[in-house]
Amino acid sequence: MNKFYREQKVELFYFTSPYCYDCWDQEPYLNKFLQLYEDYIDLHIIMAPCPSGIEDLKVSSLPVKAFRVFSAIYPGRSLSFLKFLRSAIFDEKADLSCQESLEDLIQGFGERAGEILERSVSDEGQNRIEEDRKLAQRFEIKTLPSFALVQQGRRALVSGRLEEEVLEDKLQEILGFKPEAGKIRELGEELRQSYRLYPRDLKLLYDLEEDQLLDYVEEKLKPEDYRWVDYEGGFYLEVNHEKL
């Protein structure tokens, strides 16, 4: 398959928030979809407030601003960083409104925390959030997660709970033909990019059953490249930072 030129690609706007648990729960489907159809899609992650109002006080919080600045600097790693933020918020119960905690987290992700935080607390952070808010209003976003697929005046919107097939159908509708699926990243590369993989990530990406997870990881990775981490809600696979 010949890759699309950039102007031919479908713009995929993902409306979400680090504090949206439903988004985090559904993101493995998005990750797989993006890998299969990356040749057809340009992803834009847009920060939007939860319509319920629960998050009204958090929509302009430091983690939200830090994500927007991070995604401007490292757009190719934005989805992985968002997942890393959510893991800290939901699994580790971290208070990322504390600048020191957020700085430690960004450094743990391997990027320049000082520059990101400095830009986040400046006018740039608030300006980027305001840009996202206007875009959410333009698309009349009422539910998180929501996805807007746009190409040359054609538009499709997907809201609420997500399954991979739903986005595939909308992509085909926008393109006017059935796109050719690509390949899923090998486990080693996926772990290096994501830093953490949960059982739901592994099962969906590699079509595994629960009892196949340990054997699959042992087969695909060297023992010194990863570790299993237990937490209150279960366990996850984490990259060995010393090997990065």
C-alpha atoms as a PDB file:
ATOM      1  CA  MET A   1       0.000   0.000   0.000  1.00  0.00           C
ATOM      2  CA  ASN A   2       1.250   3.449  -0.867  1.00  0.00           C
ATOM      3  CA  LYS A   3       1.159   5.828   2.075  1.00  0.00           C
ATOM      4  CA  PHE A   4      -1.153   8.785   1.928  1.00  0.00           C
ATOM      5  CA  TYR A   5       0.293  12.226   1.524  1.00  0.00           C
ATOM      6  CA  ARG A   6      -0.302  14.292   4.645  1.00  0.00           C
ATOM      7  CA  GLU A   7      -3.066  16.357   3.045  1.00  0.00           C
ATOM      8  CA  GLN A   8      -4.938  13.158   2.170  1.00  0.00           C
ATOM      9  CA  LYS A   9      -5.004  11.784   5.697  1.00  0.00           C
ATOM     10  CA  VAL A  10      -8.053  11.763   7.928  1.00  0.00           C
ATOM     11  CA  GLU A  11      -7.725  14.140  10.874  1.00  0.00           C
ATOM     12  CA  LEU A  12      -8.745  12.251  14.021  1.00  0.00           C
ATOM     13  CA  PHE A  13      -9.580  14.556  16.934  1.00  0.00           C
ATOM     14  CA  TYR A  14      -9.676  12.679  20.238  1.00  0.00           C
ATOM     15  CA  PHE A  15     -11.519  14.650  22.928  1.00  0.00           C
ATOM     16  CA  THR A  16     -10.476  13.477  26.383  1.00  0.00           C
ATOM     17  CA  SER A  17      -8.942  14.425  29.731  1.00  0.00           C
ATOM     18  CA  PRO A  18      -6.355  12.866  32.059  1.00  0.00           C
ATOM     19  CA  TYR A  19      -9.177  12.618  34.621  1.00  0.00           C
ATOM     20  CA  CYS A  20     -11.587  10.693  32.364  1.00  0.00           C
ATOM     21  CA  TYR A  21     -11.695   7.095  33.605  1.00  0.00           C
ATOM     22  CA  ASP A  22     -13.938   5.931  30.758  1.00  0.00           C
ATOM     23  CA  CYS A  23     -11.368   7.263  28.290  1.00  0.00           C
ATOM     24  CA  TRP A  24      -8.582   5.344  29.999  1.00  0.00           C
ATOM     25  CA  ASP A  25     -10.683   2.186  30.049  1.00  0.00           C
ATOM     26  CA  GLN A  26     -11.353   2.445  26.301  1.00  0.00           C
ATOM     27  CA  GLU A  27      -7.920   3.586  25.147  1.00  0.00           C
ATOM     28  CA  PRO A  28      -6.553   0.100  24.296  1.00  0.00           C
ATOM     29  CA  TYR A  29      -9.053   0.024  21.437  1.00  0.00           C
ATOM     30  CA  LEU A  30      -7.817   3.388  20.201  1.00  0.00           C
ATOM     31  CA  ASN A  31      -4.179   2.323  20.464  1.00  0.00           C
ATOM     32  CA  LYS A  32      -4.786  -0.778  18.360  1.00  0.00           C
ATOM     33  CA  PHE A  33      -6.823   1.159  15.798  1.00  0.00           C
ATOM     34  CA  LEU A  34      -4.086   3.765  15.431  1.00  0.00           C
ATOM     35  CA  GLN A  35      -1.425   1.128  14.875  1.00  0.00           C
ATOM     36  CA  LEU A  36      -3.470  -0.723  12.268  1.00  0.00           C
ATOM     37  CA  TYR A  37      -4.379   2.417  10.307  1.00  0.00           C
ATOM     38  CA  GLU A  38      -1.555   4.844  11.042  1.00  0.00           C
ATOM     39  CA  ASP A  39      -0.948   5.405   7.319  1.00  0.00           C
ATOM     40  CA  TYR A  40      -4.396   6.981   6.986  1.00  0.00           C
ATOM     41  CA  ILE A  41      -4.637   9.061  10.152  1.00  0.00           C
ATOM     42  CA  ASP A  42      -3.242  12.165  11.818  1.00  0.00           C
ATOM     43  CA  LEU A  43      -4.099  12.094  15.525  1.00  0.00           C
ATOM     44  CA  HIS A  44      -4.833  15.224  17.581  1.00  0.00           C
ATOM     45  CA  ILE A  45      -5.511  14.765  21.309  1.00  0.00           C
ATOM     46  CA  ILE A  46      -7.765  17.550  22.556  1.00  0.00           C
ATOM     47  CA  MET A  47      -8.342  18.369  26.215  1.00  0.00           C
ATOM     48  CA  ALA A  48     -12.033  18.809  27.002  1.00  0.00           C
ATOM     49  CA  PRO A  49     -14.023  19.150  30.252  1.00  0.00           C
ATOM     50  CA  CYS A  50     -16.232  16.281  31.406  1.00  0.00           C
ATOM     51  CA  PRO A  51     -19.843  17.265  30.573  1.00  0.00           C
ATOM     52  CA  SER A  52     -21.010  16.019  33.982  1.00  0.00           C
ATOM     53  CA  GLY A  53     -19.251  18.958  35.595  1.00  0.00           C
ATOM     54  CA  ILE A  54     -17.224  16.707  37.895  1.00  0.00           C
ATOM     55  CA  GLU A  55     -14.061  17.927  36.274  1.00  0.00           C
ATOM     56  CA  ASP A  56     -14.868  21.610  35.872  1.00  0.00           C
ATOM     57  CA  LEU A  57     -12.255  22.610  38.426  1.00  0.00           C
ATOM     58  CA  LYS A  58      -9.640  20.387  36.808  1.00  0.00           C
ATOM     59  CA  VAL A  59      -9.975  21.316  33.156  1.00  0.00           C
ATOM     60  CA  SER A  60      -7.351  24.034  33.528  1.00  0.00           C
ATOM     61  CA  SER A  61      -5.262  22.187  36.098  1.00  0.00           C
ATOM     62  CA  LEU A  62      -1.509  21.771  35.894  1.00  0.00           C
ATOM     63  CA  PRO A  63      -1.566  18.139  34.594  1.00  0.00           C
ATOM     64  CA  VAL A  64      -3.903  19.157  31.761  1.00  0.00           C
ATOM     65  CA  LYS A  65      -1.689  22.081  30.783  1.00  0.00           C
ATOM     66  CA  ALA A  66       1.428  19.916  31.087  1.00  0.00           C
ATOM     67  CA  PHE A  67      -0.073  17.350  28.754  1.00  0.00           C
ATOM     68  CA  ARG A  68      -0.870  19.990  26.131  1.00  0.00           C
ATOM     69  CA  VAL A  69       2.647  21.391  26.262  1.00  0.00           C
ATOM     70  CA  PHE A  70       4.128  17.893  26.179  1.00  0.00           C
ATOM     71  CA  SER A  71       2.049  16.952  23.125  1.00  0.00           C
ATOM     72  CA  ALA A  72       3.210  20.109  21.344  1.00  0.00           C
ATOM     73  CA  ILE A  73       6.855  19.155  21.934  1.00  0.00           C
ATOM     74  CA  TYR A  74       6.540  15.385  21.439  1.00  0.00           C
ATOM     75  CA  PRO A  75       3.395  14.756  19.370  1.00  0.00           C
ATOM     76  CA  GLY A  76       4.456  11.207  18.549  1.00  0.00           C
ATOM     77  CA  ARG A  77       4.501  10.277  22.234  1.00  0.00           C
ATOM     78  CA  SER A  78       1.390  12.116  23.363  1.00  0.00           C
ATOM     79  CA  LEU A  79      -0.890   9.077  23.658  1.00  0.00           C
ATOM     80  CA  SER A  80       1.718   7.154  25.666  1.00  0.00           C
ATOM     81  CA  PHE A  81       2.242  10.120  27.989  1.00  0.00           C
ATOM     82  CA  LEU A  82      -1.498  10.528  28.491  1.00  0.00           C
ATOM     83  CA  LYS A  83      -1.688   6.875  29.489  1.00  0.00           C
ATOM     84  CA  PHE A  84       1.213   7.418  31.893  1.00  0.00           C
ATOM     85  CA  LEU A  85      -0.635  10.357  33.477  1.00  0.00           C
ATOM     86  CA  ARG A  86      -3.802   8.318  33.905  1.00  0.00           C
ATOM     87  CA  SER A  87      -1.887   5.451  35.474  1.00  0.00           C
ATOM     88  CA  ALA A  88      -0.496   7.830  38.093  1.00  0.00           C
ATOM     89  CA  ILE A  89      -3.911   9.372  38.755  1.00  0.00           C
ATOM     90  CA  PHE A  90      -6.053   6.229  38.880  1.00  0.00           C
ATOM     91  CA  ASP A  91      -3.653   3.502  40.033  1.00  0.00           C
ATOM     92  CA  GLU A  92      -1.138   5.360  42.162  1.00  0.00           C
ATOM     93  CA  LYS A  93      -3.602   8.006  43.420  1.00  0.00           C
ATOM     94  CA  ALA A  94      -0.929  10.623  42.773  1.00  0.00           C
ATOM     95  CA  ASP A  95      -1.714  14.290  43.376  1.00  0.00           C
ATOM     96  CA  LEU A  96      -0.411  15.748  40.136  1.00  0.00           C
ATOM     97  CA  SER A  97      -1.594  19.222  41.059  1.00  0.00           C
ATOM     98  CA  CYS A  98       1.614  19.222  43.123  1.00  0.00           C
ATOM     99  CA  GLN A  99       4.313  20.528  40.811  1.00  0.00           C
ATOM    100  CA  GLU A 100       7.002  18.373  42.426  1.00  0.00           C
ATOM    101  CA  SER A 101       4.980  15.175  41.889  1.00  0.00           C
ATOM    102  CA  LEU A 102       4.275  16.086  38.290  1.00  0.00           C
ATOM    103  CA  GLU A 103       7.930  16.893  37.677  1.00  0.00           C
ATOM    104  CA  ASP A 104       8.946  13.483  39.026  1.00  0.00           C
ATOM    105  CA  LEU A 105       6.410  11.795  36.773  1.00  0.00           C
ATOM    106  CA  ILE A 106       7.594  13.576  33.634  1.00  0.00           C
ATOM    107  CA  GLN A 107      11.198  12.768  34.462  1.00  0.00           C
ATOM    108  CA  GLY A 108      10.159   9.165  34.985  1.00  0.00           C
ATOM    109  CA  PHE A 109       8.814   9.219  31.443  1.00  0.00           C
ATOM    110  CA  GLY A 110      12.248  10.238  30.266  1.00  0.00           C
ATOM    111  CA  GLU A 111      11.616  13.807  29.109  1.00  0.00           C
ATOM    112  CA  ARG A 112      12.634  17.348  30.076  1.00  0.00           C
ATOM    113  CA  ALA A 113      10.363  18.094  33.024  1.00  0.00           C
ATOM    114  CA  GLY A 114      11.757  21.558  33.739  1.00  0.00           C
ATOM    115  CA  GLU A 115      11.016  22.982  30.305  1.00  0.00           C
ATOM    116  CA  ILE A 116       7.581  21.370  30.127  1.00  0.00           C
ATOM    117  CA  LEU A 117       6.496  22.679  33.528  1.00  0.00           C
ATOM    118  CA  GLU A 118       7.904  26.144  32.897  1.00  0.00           C
ATOM    119  CA  ARG A 119       5.900  26.423  29.695  1.00  0.00           C
ATOM    120  CA  SER A 120       2.829  24.896  31.358  1.00  0.00           C
ATOM    121  CA  VAL A 121       2.584  27.536  34.091  1.00  0.00           C
ATOM    122  CA  SER A 122       3.178  30.341  31.601  1.00  0.00           C
ATOM    123  CA  ASP A 123       0.526  31.865  29.351  1.00  0.00           C
ATOM    124  CA  GLU A 124       1.248  29.110  26.835  1.00  0.00           C
ATOM    125  CA  GLY A 125      -0.360  26.460  29.038  1.00  0.00           C
ATOM    126  CA  GLN A 126      -3.609  28.371  29.477  1.00  0.00           C
ATOM    127  CA  ASN A 127      -3.696  29.460  25.837  1.00  0.00           C
ATOM    128  CA  ARG A 128      -3.451  25.856  24.634  1.00  0.00           C
ATOM    129  CA  ILE A 129      -6.286  24.832  26.939  1.00  0.00           C
ATOM    130  CA  GLU A 130      -8.446  27.657  25.633  1.00  0.00           C
ATOM    131  CA  GLU A 131      -7.764  26.535  22.060  1.00  0.00           C
ATOM    132  CA  ASP A 132      -8.926  23.031  22.963  1.00  0.00           C
ATOM    133  CA  ARG A 133     -12.041  24.326  24.716  1.00  0.00           C
ATOM    134  CA  LYS A 134     -13.054  26.266  21.597  1.00  0.00           C
ATOM    135  CA  LEU A 135     -12.515  23.214  19.416  1.00  0.00           C
ATOM    136  CA  ALA A 136     -14.683  21.082  21.718  1.00  0.00           C
ATOM    137  CA  GLN A 137     -17.407  23.714  21.469  1.00  0.00           C
ATOM    138  CA  ARG A 138     -17.082  23.816  17.694  1.00  0.00           C
ATOM    139  CA  PHE A 139     -17.655  20.065  17.469  1.00  0.00           C
ATOM    140  CA  GLU A 140     -20.408  20.266  20.127  1.00  0.00           C
ATOM    141  CA  ILE A 141     -18.727  17.644  22.286  1.00  0.00           C
ATOM    142  CA  LYS A 142     -21.086  16.448  25.029  1.00  0.00           C
ATOM    143  CA  THR A 143     -19.496  13.119  26.044  1.00  0.00           C
ATOM    144  CA  LEU A 144     -16.011  11.851  26.794  1.00  0.00           C
ATOM    145  CA  PRO A 145     -14.431  10.111  25.088  1.00  0.00           C
ATOM    146  CA  SER A 146     -15.450  11.540  21.708  1.00  0.00           C
ATOM    147  CA  PHE A 147     -13.781  11.260  18.316  1.00  0.00           C
ATOM    148  CA  ALA A 148     -14.217  13.473  15.273  1.00  0.00           C
ATOM    149  CA  LEU A 149     -12.918  12.180  11.930  1.00  0.00           C
ATOM    150  CA  VAL A 150     -12.494  14.914   9.329  1.00  0.00           C
ATOM    151  CA  GLN A 151     -11.269  14.890   5.750  1.00  0.00           C
ATOM    152  CA  GLN A 152     -11.884  17.456   3.003  1.00  0.00           C
ATOM    153  CA  GLY A 153     -15.190  18.664   4.400  1.00  0.00           C
ATOM    154  CA  ARG A 154     -16.470  15.215   5.383  1.00  0.00           C
ATOM    155  CA  ARG A 155     -17.012  14.602   9.073  1.00  0.00           C
ATOM    156  CA  ALA A 156     -18.028  11.736  11.361  1.00  0.00           C
ATOM    157  CA  LEU A 157     -18.418  11.767  15.148  1.00  0.00           C
ATOM    158  CA  VAL A 158     -18.097   8.836  17.562  1.00  0.00           C
ATOM    159  CA  SER A 159     -18.995   9.363  21.230  1.00  0.00           C
ATOM    160  CA  GLY A 160     -19.100   7.290  24.383  1.00  0.00           C
ATOM    161  CA  ARG A 161     -17.867   3.742  24.875  1.00  0.00           C
ATOM    162  CA  LEU A 162     -15.579   2.626  22.114  1.00  0.00           C
ATOM    163  CA  GLU A 163     -14.870  -0.529  20.200  1.00  0.00           C
ATOM    164  CA  GLU A 164     -12.247  -0.873  17.512  1.00  0.00           C
ATOM    165  CA  GLU A 165     -14.790  -1.771  14.817  1.00  0.00           C
ATOM    166  CA  VAL A 166     -16.706   1.468  15.320  1.00  0.00           C
ATOM    167  CA  LEU A 167     -13.709   3.616  14.374  1.00  0.00           C
ATOM    168  CA  GLU A 168     -12.891   1.284  11.484  1.00  0.00           C
ATOM    169  CA  ASP A 169     -16.401   1.728  10.100  1.00  0.00           C
ATOM    170  CA  LYS A 170     -16.223   5.516  10.407  1.00  0.00           C
ATOM    171  CA  LEU A 171     -12.793   5.608   8.780  1.00  0.00           C
ATOM    172  CA  GLN A 172     -14.081   3.601   5.839  1.00  0.00           C
ATOM    173  CA  GLU A 173     -17.096   5.886   5.608  1.00  0.00           C
ATOM    174  CA  ILE A 174     -14.908   8.990   5.447  1.00  0.00           C
ATOM    175  CA  LEU A 175     -12.396   7.500   2.994  1.00  0.00           C
ATOM    176  CA  GLY A 176     -14.985   5.962   0.699  1.00  0.00           C
ATOM    177  CA  PHE A 177     -13.114   2.651   0.564  1.00  0.00           C
ATOM    178  CA  LYS A 178     -11.968  -0.094   2.932  1.00  0.00           C
ATOM    179  CA  PRO A 179      -8.510   0.798   4.274  1.00  0.00           C
ATOM    180  CA  GLU A 180      -5.781  -1.819   4.358  1.00  0.00           C
ATOM    181  CA  ALA A 181      -4.785  -2.717   7.908  1.00  0.00           C
ATOM    182  CA  GLY A 182      -1.117  -2.518   8.838  1.00  0.00           C
ATOM    183  CA  LYS A 183       0.787  -4.363  11.535  1.00  0.00           C
ATOM    184  CA  ILE A 184       0.805  -4.144  15.303  1.00  0.00           C
ATOM    185  CA  ARG A 185       4.134  -3.153  16.859  1.00  0.00           C
ATOM    186  CA  GLU A 186       6.241  -5.927  18.326  1.00  0.00           C
ATOM    187  CA  LEU A 187       5.944  -6.209  22.097  1.00  0.00           C
ATOM    188  CA  GLY A 188       9.443  -4.876  22.799  1.00  0.00           C
ATOM    189  CA  GLU A 189       8.835  -1.694  20.804  1.00  0.00           C
ATOM    190  CA  GLU A 190       5.353  -1.271  22.257  1.00  0.00           C
ATOM    191  CA  LEU A 191       6.686  -1.487  25.798  1.00  0.00           C
ATOM    192  CA  ARG A 192       9.501   0.987  25.081  1.00  0.00           C
ATOM    193  CA  GLN A 193       6.984   3.490  23.758  1.00  0.00           C
ATOM    194  CA  SER A 194       4.326   2.968  26.427  1.00  0.00           C
ATOM    195  CA  TYR A 195       6.554   2.278  29.452  1.00  0.00           C
ATOM    196  CA  ARG A 196       3.656   0.316  30.965  1.00  0.00           C
ATOM    197  CA  LEU A 197       1.280  -2.265  29.557  1.00  0.00           C
ATOM    198  CA  TYR A 198      -1.699  -3.638  31.426  1.00  0.00           C
ATOM    199  CA  PRO A 199      -3.238  -7.074  30.856  1.00  0.00           C
ATOM    200  CA  ARG A 200      -6.074  -5.459  28.884  1.00  0.00           C
ATOM    201  CA  ASP A 201      -3.499  -3.840  26.570  1.00  0.00           C
ATOM    202  CA  LEU A 202      -1.700  -7.123  25.957  1.00  0.00           C
ATOM    203  CA  LYS A 203      -4.858  -9.153  25.436  1.00  0.00           C
ATOM    204  CA  LEU A 204      -6.344  -6.743  22.920  1.00  0.00           C
ATOM    205  CA  LEU A 205      -3.168  -5.946  20.974  1.00  0.00           C
ATOM    206  CA  TYR A 206      -1.929  -9.509  20.631  1.00  0.00           C
ATOM    207  CA  ASP A 207      -5.204 -11.464  20.811  1.00  0.00           C
ATOM    208  CA  LEU A 208      -4.243 -13.244  24.026  1.00  0.00           C
ATOM    209  CA  GLU A 209      -6.196 -14.978  26.760  1.00  0.00           C
ATOM    210  CA  GLU A 210      -5.464 -14.266  30.408  1.00  0.00           C
ATOM    211  CA  ASP A 211      -3.555 -17.514  30.887  1.00  0.00           C
ATOM    212  CA  GLN A 212      -1.311 -16.776  27.886  1.00  0.00           C
ATOM    213  CA  LEU A 213       0.093 -13.453  29.097  1.00  0.00           C
ATOM    214  CA  LEU A 214       3.108 -14.622  31.095  1.00  0.00           C
ATOM    215  CA  ASP A 215       4.279 -17.121  28.487  1.00  0.00           C
ATOM    216  CA  TYR A 216       3.891 -14.587  25.684  1.00  0.00           C
ATOM    217  CA  VAL A 217       5.939 -11.956  27.521  1.00  0.00           C
ATOM    218  CA  GLU A 218       8.664 -14.467  28.370  1.00  0.00           C
ATOM    219  CA  GLU A 219       8.813 -15.518  24.726  1.00  0.00           C
ATOM    220  CA  LYS A 220       8.995 -12.016  23.278  1.00  0.00           C
ATOM    221  CA  LEU A 221      11.152 -10.145  25.814  1.00  0.00           C
ATOM    222  CA  LYS A 222      14.494 -10.638  27.494  1.00  0.00           C
ATOM    223  CA  PRO A 223      14.213 -10.989  31.301  1.00  0.00           C
ATOM    224  CA  GLU A 224      16.417  -7.941  31.877  1.00  0.00           C
ATOM    225  CA  ASP A 225      14.197  -5.689  29.718  1.00  0.00           C
ATOM    226  CA  TYR A 226      11.029  -5.742  31.822  1.00  0.00           C
ATOM    227  CA  ARG A 227       9.446  -6.374  35.200  1.00  0.00           C
ATOM    228  CA  TRP A 228       5.960  -7.152  36.501  1.00  0.00           C
ATOM    229  CA  VAL A 229       4.588  -4.634  39.000  1.00  0.00           C
ATOM    230  CA  ASP A 230       1.772  -5.352  41.464  1.00  0.00           C
ATOM    231  CA  TYR A 231      -0.564  -2.574  42.574  1.00  0.00           C
ATOM    232  CA  GLU A 232      -3.807  -2.462  44.505  1.00  0.00           C
ATOM    233  CA  GLY A 233      -5.970  -3.099  41.450  1.00  0.00           C
ATOM    234  CA  GLY A 234      -3.873  -5.786  39.774  1.00  0.00           C
ATOM    235  CA  PHE A 235      -0.546  -5.795  37.934  1.00  0.00           C
ATOM    236  CA  TYR A 236       1.148  -4.351  34.867  1.00  0.00           C
ATOM    237  CA  LEU A 237       4.222  -4.873  32.723  1.00  0.00           C
ATOM    238  CA  GLU A 238       6.844  -2.134  32.975  1.00  0.00           C
ATOM    239  CA  VAL A 239       9.961  -1.422  30.980  1.00  0.00           C
ATOM    240  CA  ASN A 240      13.298  -1.705  32.782  1.00  0.00           C
ATOM    241  CA  HIS A 241      14.339   1.957  32.850  1.00  0.00           C
ATOM    242  CA  GLU A 242      18.006   1.066  33.181  1.00  0.00           C
ATOM    243  CA  LYS A 243      17.874  -0.508  29.715  1.00  0.00           C
ATOM    244  CA  LEU A 244      16.458   2.558  27.941  1.00  0.00           C
END
